[in-house]
């Protein structure tokens, strides 16, 4: 998966610019409190190959393929219940 794919899926770039010579960044996609995706960091990426994984899980659950990630994200969005305050 490429950075372009991540942006298409709605991921937001998170940066740490404390070291301007080697800027560190990764991407996140938050659905609701307790349910988020995070990517590998740019310094862990080789040949523009990114992956996404569920954030803060005991055992990592990773997806490397754009089409699988897109399907999973769409399924999660489809299953989200919206609450309205009356």
C-alpha atoms as a PDB file:
ATOM      1  CA  UNK A   1       0.000   0.000   0.000  1.00  0.00           C
ATOM      2  CA  UNK A   2       1.337   3.485  -0.788  1.00  0.00           C
ATOM      3  CA  UNK A   3       1.035   6.825   0.981  1.00  0.00           C
ATOM      4  CA  UNK A   4      -1.398   7.828  -1.740  1.00  0.00           C
ATOM      5  CA  UNK A   5      -3.612   4.881  -0.844  1.00  0.00           C
ATOM      6  CA  UNK A   6      -3.517   5.908   2.813  1.00  0.00           C
ATOM      7  CA  UNK A   7      -4.706   9.411   1.943  1.00  0.00           C
ATOM      8  CA  UNK A   8      -7.491   8.016  -0.261  1.00  0.00           C
ATOM      9  CA  UNK A   9      -8.637   5.876   2.684  1.00  0.00           C
ATOM     10  CA  UNK A  10      -8.843   8.978   4.890  1.00  0.00           C
ATOM     11  CA  UNK A  11      -5.697   8.540   6.981  1.00  0.00           C
ATOM     12  CA  UNK A  12      -4.193  11.683   8.521  1.00  0.00           C
ATOM     13  CA  UNK A  13      -0.458  12.290   8.687  1.00  0.00           C
ATOM     14  CA  UNK A  14       1.005  12.618  12.194  1.00  0.00           C
ATOM     15  CA  UNK A  15       4.422  14.251  12.354  1.00  0.00           C
ATOM     16  CA  UNK A  16       7.211  14.769  14.838  1.00  0.00           C
ATOM     17  CA  UNK A  17       9.302  17.630  13.547  1.00  0.00           C
ATOM     18  CA  UNK A  18      11.666  17.802  16.510  1.00  0.00           C
ATOM     19  CA  UNK A  19      14.464  16.539  14.259  1.00  0.00           C
ATOM     20  CA  UNK A  20      14.247  18.609  11.073  1.00  0.00           C
ATOM     21  CA  UNK A  21      17.035  16.590   9.441  1.00  0.00           C
ATOM     22  CA  UNK A  22      15.033  13.360   9.810  1.00  0.00           C
ATOM     23  CA  UNK A  23      11.323  14.143  10.060  1.00  0.00           C
ATOM     24  CA  UNK A  24       9.393  11.237  11.577  1.00  0.00           C
ATOM     25  CA  UNK A  25       5.800  10.562  10.571  1.00  0.00           C
ATOM     26  CA  UNK A  26       3.062   7.962  10.376  1.00  0.00           C
ATOM     27  CA  UNK A  27      -0.662   7.936   9.627  1.00  0.00           C
ATOM     28  CA  UNK A  28      -3.791   7.351  11.715  1.00  0.00           C
ATOM     29  CA  UNK A  29      -7.469   6.796  11.060  1.00  0.00           C
ATOM     30  CA  UNK A  30      -9.801   7.146  14.038  1.00  0.00           C
ATOM     31  CA  UNK A  31     -13.332   5.780  13.958  1.00  0.00           C
ATOM     32  CA  UNK A  32     -14.351   6.245  17.588  1.00  0.00           C
ATOM     33  CA  UNK A  33     -12.697   6.108  20.997  1.00  0.00           C
ATOM     34  CA  UNK A  34     -11.028   2.722  21.244  1.00  0.00           C
ATOM     35  CA  UNK A  35     -11.120   1.919  17.521  1.00  0.00           C
ATOM     36  CA  UNK A  36      -8.324   3.294  15.365  1.00  0.00           C
ATOM     37  CA  UNK A  37      -5.832   2.275  12.734  1.00  0.00           C
ATOM     38  CA  UNK A  38      -2.180   3.280  12.736  1.00  0.00           C
ATOM     39  CA  UNK A  39       0.504   2.714  10.101  1.00  0.00           C
ATOM     40  CA  UNK A  40       4.139   1.843  10.279  1.00  0.00           C
ATOM     41  CA  UNK A  41       6.410   4.898  10.526  1.00  0.00           C
ATOM     42  CA  UNK A  42       8.177   6.368   7.524  1.00  0.00           C
ATOM     43  CA  UNK A  43      11.534   5.156   8.846  1.00  0.00           C
ATOM     44  CA  UNK A  44      10.180   1.567   8.908  1.00  0.00           C
ATOM     45  CA  UNK A  45       8.857   1.740   5.343  1.00  0.00           C
ATOM     46  CA  UNK A  46      10.729   0.231   2.418  1.00  0.00           C
ATOM     47  CA  UNK A  47       9.929   0.937  -1.246  1.00  0.00           C
ATOM     48  CA  UNK A  48       6.784   2.928  -0.306  1.00  0.00           C
ATOM     49  CA  UNK A  49       5.184  -0.191   1.192  1.00  0.00           C
ATOM     50  CA  UNK A  50       2.960   0.825   4.088  1.00  0.00           C
ATOM     51  CA  UNK A  51       0.672  -1.274   6.239  1.00  0.00           C
ATOM     52  CA  UNK A  52      -2.183  -0.477   8.599  1.00  0.00           C
ATOM     53  CA  UNK A  53      -2.940  -2.167  11.890  1.00  0.00           C
ATOM     54  CA  UNK A  54      -5.441  -1.805  14.681  1.00  0.00           C
ATOM     55  CA  UNK A  55      -4.023   0.573  17.267  1.00  0.00           C
ATOM     56  CA  UNK A  56      -3.070  -0.633  20.731  1.00  0.00           C
ATOM     57  CA  UNK A  57      -3.860  -4.324  20.489  1.00  0.00           C
ATOM     58  CA  UNK A  58      -2.017  -7.106  22.289  1.00  0.00           C
ATOM     59  CA  UNK A  59      -1.446  -9.025  19.062  1.00  0.00           C
ATOM     60  CA  UNK A  60      -0.996  -6.909  15.914  1.00  0.00           C
ATOM     61  CA  UNK A  61      -3.630  -7.275  13.196  1.00  0.00           C
ATOM     62  CA  UNK A  62      -2.091  -5.918   9.970  1.00  0.00           C
ATOM     63  CA  UNK A  63      -3.210  -5.302   6.418  1.00  0.00           C
ATOM     64  CA  UNK A  64      -0.760  -4.620   3.600  1.00  0.00           C
ATOM     65  CA  UNK A  65      -3.166  -4.758   0.667  1.00  0.00           C
ATOM     66  CA  UNK A  66      -5.084  -1.614  -0.324  1.00  0.00           C
ATOM     67  CA  UNK A  67      -8.215  -3.445  -1.518  1.00  0.00           C
ATOM     68  CA  UNK A  68      -8.491  -5.472   1.695  1.00  0.00           C
ATOM     69  CA  UNK A  69      -7.937  -2.349   3.812  1.00  0.00           C
ATOM     70  CA  UNK A  70     -10.559  -0.442   1.819  1.00  0.00           C
ATOM     71  CA  UNK A  71     -13.091  -3.253   2.261  1.00  0.00           C
ATOM     72  CA  UNK A  72     -12.421  -3.492   5.999  1.00  0.00           C
ATOM     73  CA  UNK A  73     -12.722   0.275   6.513  1.00  0.00           C
ATOM     74  CA  UNK A  74     -15.974   0.376   4.548  1.00  0.00           C
ATOM     75  CA  UNK A  75     -17.384  -2.500   6.616  1.00  0.00           C
ATOM     76  CA  UNK A  76     -16.489  -0.715   9.857  1.00  0.00           C
ATOM     77  CA  UNK A  77     -18.049   2.555   8.671  1.00  0.00           C
ATOM     78  CA  UNK A  78     -21.158   0.700   7.520  1.00  0.00           C
ATOM     79  CA  UNK A  79     -21.588  -0.926  10.928  1.00  0.00           C
ATOM     80  CA  UNK A  80     -21.160   2.230  12.982  1.00  0.00           C
ATOM     81  CA  UNK A  81     -24.306   3.305  14.792  1.00  0.00           C
ATOM     82  CA  UNK A  82     -24.905   7.029  14.899  1.00  0.00           C
ATOM     83  CA  UNK A  83     -26.532   8.522  17.951  1.00  0.00           C
ATOM     84  CA  UNK A  84     -28.823  11.507  17.828  1.00  0.00           C
ATOM     85  CA  UNK A  85     -29.650  13.581  20.870  1.00  0.00           C
ATOM     86  CA  UNK A  86     -33.265  14.695  20.922  1.00  0.00           C
END
